[in-house]
Protein backbone atom coordinates (compact mmCIF):
# COMPACT_ATOMS: atom_id res chain seq x y z
CA MET A 1 -26.28 14.54 -6.76
CA ALA A 2 -23.64 11.98 -5.80
CA LEU A 3 -20.59 12.94 -2.96
CA HIS A 4 -17.58 11.84 -3.89
CA ILE A 5 -14.04 12.14 -2.01
CA HIS A 6 -11.02 13.10 -4.19
CA LYS A 7 -8.01 11.95 -3.03
CA TYR A 8 -4.70 13.83 -4.66
CA GLY A 9 -1.04 12.45 -3.82
CA GLY A 10 2.30 14.27 -3.61
CA THR A 11 2.75 14.10 -6.96
CA SER A 12 -0.96 15.28 -7.92
CA VAL A 13 -0.05 18.18 -5.87
CA GLY A 14 4.00 18.43 -6.54
CA SER A 15 3.35 21.66 -7.94
CA LEU A 16 1.96 25.23 -7.83
CA ASP A 17 0.28 24.07 -11.88
CA ARG A 18 -0.06 20.50 -10.67
CA ILE A 19 -2.48 21.92 -7.79
CA ARG A 20 -4.24 24.69 -10.51
CA ALA A 21 -5.01 21.38 -12.63
CA VAL A 22 -6.53 19.21 -9.14
CA ALA A 23 -8.64 22.42 -8.72
CA GLN A 24 -9.43 22.37 -12.83
CA ASN A 25 -10.36 18.64 -12.06
CA VAL A 26 -12.44 19.29 -8.53
CA VAL A 27 -14.67 21.85 -10.47
CA LYS A 28 -15.48 19.66 -13.48
CA GLN A 29 -16.90 16.83 -11.24
CA ARG A 30 -18.75 20.08 -9.49
CA GLU A 31 -19.98 21.12 -12.51
CA ALA A 32 -20.84 17.95 -13.29
CA GLY A 33 -23.71 17.66 -10.31
CA ASP A 34 -21.63 16.33 -7.40
CA ASP A 35 -20.58 17.04 -4.08
CA VAL A 36 -17.17 16.87 -3.67
CA ILE A 37 -14.80 16.56 -0.68
CA VAL A 38 -11.14 16.63 -1.29
CA VAL A 39 -7.92 15.05 0.72
CA VAL A 40 -4.78 15.97 -0.25
CA SER A 41 -1.14 14.71 0.74
CA ALA A 42 1.78 16.83 0.98
CA MET A 43 3.51 18.08 -1.89
CA ALA A 44 5.80 15.20 -3.27
CA GLY A 45 9.17 14.77 -0.70
CA GLU A 46 7.71 17.37 1.64
CA THR A 47 7.52 14.48 4.08
CA ASN A 48 11.01 13.08 3.29
CA ARG A 49 12.86 16.62 3.88
CA LEU A 50 10.62 17.48 6.85
CA GLU A 51 11.92 13.84 8.18
CA SER A 52 15.09 14.33 7.81
CA LEU A 53 14.73 18.19 9.37
CA GLY A 54 13.83 16.31 12.41
CA GLN A 55 16.44 13.69 12.44
CA GLU A 56 19.18 16.11 11.70
CA LEU A 57 18.10 17.89 14.73
CA SER A 58 17.34 15.07 17.55
CA ASN A 59 18.84 11.32 17.28
CA LYS A 60 15.50 10.17 18.54
CA PRO A 61 12.84 12.83 18.27
CA LYS A 62 9.78 12.43 20.32
CA ASN A 63 6.93 10.64 17.78
CA ARG A 64 4.71 13.44 19.79
CA GLU A 65 7.02 16.11 18.23
CA MET A 66 7.66 13.97 14.36
CA ASP A 67 4.08 14.07 13.95
CA VAL A 68 3.53 17.79 14.67
CA LEU A 69 6.22 18.29 12.58
CA LEU A 70 5.25 15.66 9.55
CA SER A 71 1.44 17.22 9.67
CA ALA A 72 2.29 20.28 8.32
CA GLY A 73 3.29 18.74 4.94
CA GLU A 74 -0.87 18.34 4.43
CA GLN A 75 -1.21 21.84 5.82
CA VAL A 76 0.35 23.11 3.03
CA SER A 77 -1.07 21.07 0.60
CA ALA A 78 -4.45 22.10 1.35
CA ALA A 79 -4.27 25.45 1.87
CA LEU A 80 -3.19 26.13 -1.79
CA THR A 81 -5.56 23.56 -3.21
CA ALA A 82 -8.64 25.65 -0.64
CA MET A 83 -6.99 29.34 -3.03
CA ALA A 84 -6.59 27.28 -6.73
CA LEU A 85 -10.33 26.63 -5.61
CA ASP A 86 -11.39 29.58 -4.96
CA GLN A 87 -8.91 31.03 -8.21
CA CYS A 88 -11.25 29.15 -10.12
CA GLY A 89 -14.19 30.63 -8.46
CA CYS A 90 -15.26 27.45 -6.44
CA GLU A 91 -15.45 29.03 -2.92
CA ALA A 92 -13.49 26.26 -1.00
CA ARG A 93 -12.59 25.58 2.70
CA SER A 94 -9.30 23.89 3.97
CA TYR A 95 -9.00 21.84 7.35
CA LEU A 96 -6.55 20.20 9.53
CA GLY A 97 -7.26 17.20 11.53
CA TRP A 98 -8.54 18.43 14.73
CA GLN A 99 -10.34 21.15 12.83
CA VAL A 100 -12.96 18.16 11.40
CA PRO A 101 -11.95 16.68 14.01
CA ILE A 102 -10.89 13.58 12.63
CA VAL A 103 -10.12 12.14 16.23
CA THR A 104 -7.82 9.37 17.26
CA ASP A 105 -5.87 6.89 19.07
CA ALA A 106 -2.81 8.68 20.59
CA ASN A 107 -0.61 6.41 19.35
CA HIS A 108 1.96 8.94 17.47
CA THR A 109 3.06 7.77 14.30
CA ARG A 110 0.95 5.18 13.50
CA ALA A 111 -2.31 6.22 15.44
CA ARG A 112 -5.78 4.50 14.45
CA PHE A 113 -8.99 6.75 13.72
CA GLU A 114 -11.44 6.38 16.54
CA SER A 115 -13.95 8.84 15.20
CA ILE A 116 -14.75 11.64 12.44
CA GLU A 117 -17.34 14.20 13.43
CA THR A 118 -19.11 15.45 9.47
CA LYS A 119 -20.76 18.40 10.77
CA ARG A 120 -18.37 20.96 9.04
CA LEU A 121 -18.77 18.97 6.06
CA LYS A 122 -21.67 18.89 5.31
CA ASP A 123 -22.45 22.11 6.08
CA ASP A 124 -19.97 23.49 3.82
CA LEU A 125 -21.52 20.66 1.07
CA ALA A 126 -25.47 22.54 2.09
CA ALA A 127 -23.27 26.03 1.62
CA GLY A 128 -22.18 24.94 -1.75
CA ILE A 129 -18.55 25.05 -0.15
CA THR A 130 -15.97 22.29 -0.94
CA PRO A 131 -13.80 21.00 2.26
CA ILE A 132 -10.12 20.50 1.02
CA VAL A 133 -8.97 18.01 4.17
CA ALA A 134 -5.38 17.17 5.37
CA GLY A 135 -4.71 13.75 4.61
CA PHE A 136 -2.31 11.69 7.28
CA GLN A 137 -3.42 13.01 10.09
CA GLY A 138 -5.37 13.38 13.10
CA VAL A 139 -5.87 13.84 17.04
CA ASP A 140 -6.10 12.73 19.52
CA GLY A 141 -8.30 12.49 22.84
CA GLY A 142 -6.08 14.88 24.17
CA GLY A 143 -5.99 17.61 21.87
CA ASP A 144 -2.54 16.74 20.66
CA ILE A 145 -1.79 16.12 16.69
CA THR A 146 -1.12 12.93 15.46
CA THR A 147 -0.37 11.04 12.45
CA ILE A 148 -1.01 7.67 11.11
CA GLY A 149 2.01 6.77 8.55
CA ARG A 150 3.04 6.54 5.59
CA GLY A 151 0.15 6.43 2.99
CA GLY A 152 -2.10 7.52 5.77
CA SER A 153 -3.74 9.92 3.23
CA ASP A 154 -5.30 6.79 1.29
CA THR A 155 -6.48 5.79 4.50
CA SER A 156 -7.88 9.72 5.17
CA ALA A 157 -10.24 9.92 1.85
CA VAL A 158 -11.56 5.89 2.70
CA ALA A 159 -12.14 6.53 7.03
CA ILE A 160 -13.96 10.17 5.31
CA ALA A 161 -15.95 8.49 2.64
CA SER A 162 -17.37 5.50 4.92
CA ALA A 163 -18.15 8.34 7.76
CA LEU A 164 -20.24 10.16 5.12
CA ASN A 165 -21.46 7.46 2.81
CA ALA A 166 -19.55 9.12 -0.24
CA GLU A 167 -20.84 6.54 -3.39
CA GLU A 168 -17.53 6.60 -4.58
CA CYS A 169 -13.81 7.28 -3.33
CA ARG A 170 -11.68 8.14 -5.65
CA ILE A 171 -7.38 8.05 -5.51
CA TYR A 172 -5.69 10.27 -8.21
CA THR A 173 -2.30 9.61 -8.53
CA ASP A 174 0.40 9.53 -10.81
CA VAL A 175 -0.98 6.17 -13.19
CA ASP A 176 -4.14 5.86 -14.37
CA GLY A 177 -5.30 2.31 -12.95
CA VAL A 178 -3.97 -1.41 -11.73
CA TYR A 179 -2.36 -2.51 -14.19
CA THR A 180 -1.83 -6.52 -14.64
CA ALA A 181 2.15 -6.36 -13.94
CA ASP A 182 4.29 -2.94 -13.75
CA PRO A 183 4.19 -1.46 -17.17
CA ARG A 184 7.76 -0.51 -16.94
CA ILE A 185 8.78 -4.31 -17.09
CA VAL A 186 5.81 -5.08 -18.91
CA ASP A 187 5.47 -3.54 -22.61
CA ASP A 188 1.99 -5.03 -23.01
CA ALA A 189 0.99 -4.85 -19.42
CA GLN A 190 -3.25 -3.98 -19.52
CA LYS A 191 -5.46 -1.58 -17.11
CA LEU A 192 -7.98 -3.73 -15.17
CA GLU A 193 -11.50 -2.10 -15.61
CA VAL A 194 -12.31 -4.19 -11.79
CA VAL A 195 -10.24 -6.05 -9.08
CA PHE A 196 -11.91 -7.12 -6.58
CA PHE A 197 -10.74 -6.03 -2.90
CA GLU A 198 -9.54 -9.51 -1.97
CA GLU A 199 -7.51 -9.55 -4.72
CA MET A 200 -6.77 -5.30 -4.06
CA LEU A 201 -5.46 -6.40 -0.86
CA GLU A 202 -3.36 -8.93 -1.80
CA LEU A 203 -1.58 -7.25 -4.79
CA ALA A 204 -0.83 -3.75 -2.59
CA SER A 205 0.59 -6.73 0.09
CA LEU A 206 2.76 -7.81 -2.51
CA GLY A 207 4.73 -5.02 -3.47
CA SER A 208 2.08 -2.84 -5.52
CA LYS A 209 2.33 0.98 -4.71
CA VAL A 210 -0.85 2.03 -6.37
CA LEU A 211 -2.73 1.95 -2.65
CA HIS A 212 -1.88 1.59 0.80
CA PRO A 213 -3.55 -2.21 2.41
CA ARG A 214 -4.51 -0.31 5.25
CA ALA A 215 -6.07 1.80 2.95
CA VAL A 216 -7.45 -1.40 0.71
CA GLU A 217 -8.74 -3.12 4.12
CA TYR A 218 -10.61 -0.59 6.04
CA ALA A 219 -12.40 0.05 2.18
CA ALA A 220 -13.64 -3.52 2.50
CA ASN A 221 -14.62 -4.09 6.10
CA SER A 222 -16.64 -0.13 6.15
CA GLY A 223 -18.68 -1.24 2.19
CA VAL A 224 -16.47 2.12 0.45
CA THR A 225 -16.06 1.76 -3.27
CA LEU A 226 -13.04 2.77 -4.13
CA ARG A 227 -11.96 3.93 -8.32
CA VAL A 228 -7.76 4.68 -8.96
CA LEU A 229 -7.38 7.03 -11.64
CA SER A 230 -4.56 9.54 -12.66
CA SER A 231 -4.47 12.80 -11.85
CA PHE A 232 -2.33 14.18 -15.87
CA ILE A 233 -5.05 11.92 -17.84
CA GLU A 234 -8.27 11.27 -18.19
CA GLY A 235 -9.92 7.96 -18.49
CA GLN A 236 -11.83 5.83 -15.66
CA GLY A 237 -9.65 4.01 -14.18
CA THR A 238 -10.02 0.80 -12.19
CA LEU A 239 -12.69 0.28 -10.16
CA ILE A 240 -12.17 -1.42 -6.59
CA THR A 241 -15.06 -3.43 -5.71
CA PHE A 242 -16.63 -6.33 -4.22
CA GLU A 243 -16.63 -9.98 -5.65
CA ASP A 244 -20.10 -10.18 -7.92
CA ALA A 245 -21.16 -13.27 -8.92
CA ASN A 246 -21.98 -12.14 -12.19
CA MET A 247 -19.06 -11.23 -13.22
CA GLU A 248 -15.77 -12.94 -14.79
CA ARG A 249 -13.51 -14.39 -12.61
CA PRO A 250 -10.05 -14.71 -14.94
CA VAL A 251 -7.28 -16.93 -13.07
CA VAL A 252 -5.18 -15.21 -12.41
CA SER A 253 -5.81 -11.36 -12.74
CA GLY A 254 -1.93 -9.98 -12.14
CA ILE A 255 1.55 -10.10 -10.92
CA ALA A 256 2.72 -7.95 -8.44
CA HIS A 257 6.09 -7.47 -7.32
CA ALA A 258 8.27 -6.60 -4.63
CA ILE A 259 12.14 -5.53 -4.44
CA ASP A 260 13.18 -4.58 -1.12
CA GLU A 261 13.60 -8.48 0.08
CA ALA A 262 16.12 -10.26 2.19
CA LYS A 263 16.75 -14.42 3.19
CA LEU A 264 18.57 -15.27 6.67
CA THR A 265 18.47 -18.93 7.12
CA VAL A 266 19.85 -20.76 10.81
CA VAL A 267 21.40 -23.70 9.11
CA GLY A 268 22.09 -26.83 11.20
CA VAL A 269 19.13 -25.99 14.64
CA PRO A 270 17.93 -29.16 16.60
CA ASP A 271 14.50 -30.15 15.60
CA VAL A 272 13.49 -29.98 18.92
CA PRO A 273 9.74 -27.77 20.25
CA GLY A 274 9.82 -24.34 19.91
CA VAL A 275 12.94 -23.52 17.90
CA ALA A 276 10.99 -21.38 15.50
CA SER A 277 9.46 -19.18 18.94
CA THR A 278 13.27 -19.18 19.76
CA ILE A 279 14.61 -17.61 16.93
CA LEU A 280 12.15 -15.60 16.00
CA GLY A 281 11.14 -14.15 19.39
CA PRO A 282 14.49 -11.45 19.49
CA ILE A 283 13.98 -10.57 15.83
CA ALA A 284 10.13 -9.85 17.07
CA GLY A 285 10.81 -7.93 19.59
CA ALA A 286 13.49 -5.99 17.77
CA SER A 287 10.20 -4.86 15.55
CA ILE A 288 11.36 -6.66 12.42
CA GLU A 289 8.71 -7.59 10.04
CA VAL A 290 9.02 -11.67 9.28
CA ASP A 291 7.08 -12.59 6.19
CA MET A 292 8.07 -16.25 4.57
CA ILE A 293 8.29 -18.95 6.46
CA VAL A 294 10.25 -22.43 5.39
CA GLN A 295 11.69 -24.94 7.75
CA ASN A 296 13.37 -28.20 6.14
CA ILE A 297 14.19 -31.21 8.41
CA GLY A 298 17.55 -33.09 8.14
CA SER A 299 18.39 -36.43 8.28
CA ASP A 300 20.25 -35.62 10.65
CA GLY A 301 18.32 -34.43 13.31
CA THR A 302 18.62 -30.35 12.54
CA THR A 303 16.61 -28.09 10.70
CA ASP A 304 17.14 -25.80 8.97
CA PHE A 305 15.36 -22.75 9.20
CA THR A 306 15.04 -19.50 6.59
CA PHE A 307 12.53 -16.35 6.46
CA THR A 308 12.62 -12.88 4.71
CA VAL A 309 12.25 -9.71 6.18
CA LYS A 310 12.31 -6.28 4.80
CA ARG A 311 16.01 -5.43 3.38
CA ARG A 312 15.99 -2.48 4.68
CA ASP A 313 15.86 -4.56 8.72
CA TYR A 314 18.45 -7.52 7.50
CA ASP A 315 21.84 -6.43 8.92
CA THR A 316 19.96 -6.23 12.09
CA ALA A 317 18.36 -8.73 11.70
CA LYS A 318 21.55 -11.00 10.65
CA GLY A 319 23.66 -9.35 13.70
CA ILE A 320 20.57 -10.70 16.35
CA LEU A 321 20.74 -14.09 15.00
CA ASP A 322 24.78 -13.96 15.01
CA GLY A 323 24.77 -13.41 18.65
CA ILE A 324 21.83 -16.28 19.03
CA ILE A 325 23.02 -18.75 17.16
CA LYS A 326 25.67 -20.70 19.64
CA ASP A 327 22.97 -20.60 22.93
CA ILE A 328 20.09 -22.78 20.44
CA GLY A 329 22.95 -25.08 19.11
CA ALA A 330 23.11 -23.67 15.78
CA ARG A 331 25.66 -24.66 12.97
CA ASP A 332 25.82 -20.84 11.52
CA VAL A 333 23.98 -17.80 9.85
CA ILE A 334 23.58 -17.19 5.86
CA GLY A 335 22.15 -14.59 4.25
CA ASP A 336 21.00 -13.09 0.94
CA ASN A 337 19.82 -9.55 0.64
CA ALA A 338 19.65 -9.80 -3.60
CA ILE A 339 16.39 -11.96 -3.78
CA VAL A 340 13.28 -10.59 -5.21
CA LYS A 341 9.64 -11.92 -4.51
CA VAL A 342 7.04 -12.73 -7.39
CA SER A 343 3.53 -13.05 -7.07
CA VAL A 344 0.70 -14.17 -8.95
CA VAL A 345 -2.80 -12.97 -7.37
CA GLY A 346 -6.44 -14.05 -8.87
CA VAL A 347 -9.65 -15.21 -7.50
CA GLY A 348 -10.48 -18.00 -10.17
CA MET A 349 -7.03 -19.49 -8.70
CA ARG A 350 -10.23 -20.76 -6.33
CA SER A 351 -12.26 -22.86 -9.13
CA HIS A 352 -8.93 -23.90 -10.93
CA ALA A 353 -6.20 -26.38 -11.09
CA GLY A 354 -2.80 -26.07 -12.06
CA VAL A 355 -2.03 -22.40 -11.27
CA ALA A 356 1.32 -23.07 -9.51
CA THR A 357 2.34 -25.02 -12.10
CA ARG A 358 2.06 -22.81 -14.66
CA MET A 359 3.92 -20.47 -13.27
CA PHE A 360 6.79 -22.41 -11.94
CA ASP A 361 6.78 -23.87 -15.79
CA ALA A 362 7.33 -20.20 -17.16
CA LEU A 363 10.14 -20.06 -14.53
CA ALA A 364 11.45 -23.29 -15.11
CA ALA A 365 11.92 -22.62 -18.70
CA GLU A 366 13.95 -19.18 -18.15
CA ASP A 367 16.00 -21.14 -15.99
CA ILE A 368 15.24 -19.40 -12.66
CA ASN A 369 15.56 -21.19 -9.48
CA ILE A 370 12.77 -21.09 -6.98
CA GLN A 371 13.79 -20.66 -3.44
CA MET A 372 11.10 -20.17 -1.81
CA ILE A 373 7.05 -20.80 -1.97
CA SER A 374 4.52 -19.38 -0.27
CA THR A 375 0.13 -19.36 -1.44
CA SER A 376 -3.07 -19.34 0.12
CA GLU A 377 -6.31 -19.01 -1.60
CA ILE A 378 -5.90 -16.52 -4.54
CA LYS A 379 -2.31 -16.11 -4.75
CA ILE A 380 1.00 -18.00 -5.22
CA SER A 381 4.79 -16.07 -4.50
CA VAL A 382 7.98 -17.11 -4.91
CA VAL A 383 11.38 -16.16 -4.19
CA ILE A 384 14.13 -16.03 -6.01
CA ALA A 385 16.90 -13.79 -7.34
CA GLU A 386 16.77 -10.60 -8.24
CA GLN A 387 18.63 -10.38 -11.66
CA TYR A 388 15.60 -12.51 -12.75
CA LEU A 389 13.03 -9.97 -11.67
CA ASP A 390 12.36 -8.42 -15.12
CA VAL A 391 12.72 -12.07 -17.31
CA ALA A 392 10.32 -13.53 -14.71
CA VAL A 393 8.16 -11.10 -14.44
CA ARG A 394 7.52 -11.32 -18.30
CA SER A 395 7.19 -14.89 -18.90
CA ILE A 396 4.55 -15.20 -16.34
CA HIS A 397 2.12 -12.23 -17.78
CA LYS A 398 3.06 -14.42 -20.80
CA VAL A 399 2.03 -17.18 -19.88
CA PHE A 400 -1.28 -16.53 -18.27
CA ASP A 401 -1.39 -14.52 -21.55
CA LEU A 402 -2.20 -11.19 -19.35
CA GLY A 403 -1.55 -8.84 -21.83
CA ASN A 404 -5.35 -10.02 -23.76
CA ASN A 405 -7.35 -9.82 -19.98
CA VAL A 406 -10.94 -9.69 -20.56
CA THR A 407 -10.90 -7.60 -17.94
CA VAL A 408 -9.03 -5.02 -18.91
CA ALA A 409 -10.28 -1.28 -19.54
């Protein structure tokens, strides 16, 4: 008898009809002979609604109280899912994070797992009871409710799978797997049968919304096999696993894109040691994450320093730079919040030359200017104007023949 962890996202439990469908899927798996533990997110839109309520009451709500507030969404989903299973004749029992308990540190709103007690979950399984665990939440050493950040239910499911040595952690969502590109942009995007952890971590970090990067990293580090499936249609989904020497390695497995990007350039900075730290120090001090960085040295002894941030941080970051340019001797700060990042990912890049050239040629053929470039061993990312996103993704998808990918389902 195999143990599978099922995680159902917000759209999967977004209505009573959807929760009934989740219950039917769990019953089907139980009837096939598998043990199942279910991890649920809040109903679609509920976390945003609760967050808005808190922010409407307080300009700066305490993180501890926000954790208490936001964790209520998963509590509702867990109880309703347990009720739906009971109605189907499958005995179920709901658990909040503190009841398991799932122990975290005390870093409210972005806590990290420390331990998971498995006794109650194992006892339920032995008694034929299906445990329903509220994702996204835990309890710290002082007994306070904690949450682990957006997308945390994926990570909760992985952590439980690791603690119980589950055969698979199955992430049920509103898509039926990982695709070679966004099917809303590329008509012939193909569903991948297998994606390696290293590739999935890059894809998730570079804009693919199928899995949360933290969950992928946790699974890879703890040896948990993932599978992405749809809770709306039947199918085998996409297996996320470790690289196997006997498995096919396409040069490029997929294309990811991120539209929440903005670019800032500090123009005419004196080319002296420590200039990067002088510029980025205040940005980091404002808890703004910097992604791509390019520094161009001019012939006049100055440099132009360019970096990207999330679009939501653009105005704050520009304001910080406007306030320090005189102190650092720079001429100006210019910015662009209408850019996107497009990336190709594939472990096969390690053993194939010319990947960047093919990508750049595809963009050049569409008269698309590349503003920034970043590479690693298995990915190439470029920044381009937002208006060219669709045509760029389609042209790159075509040049690598991903519509006929050999590893598709």
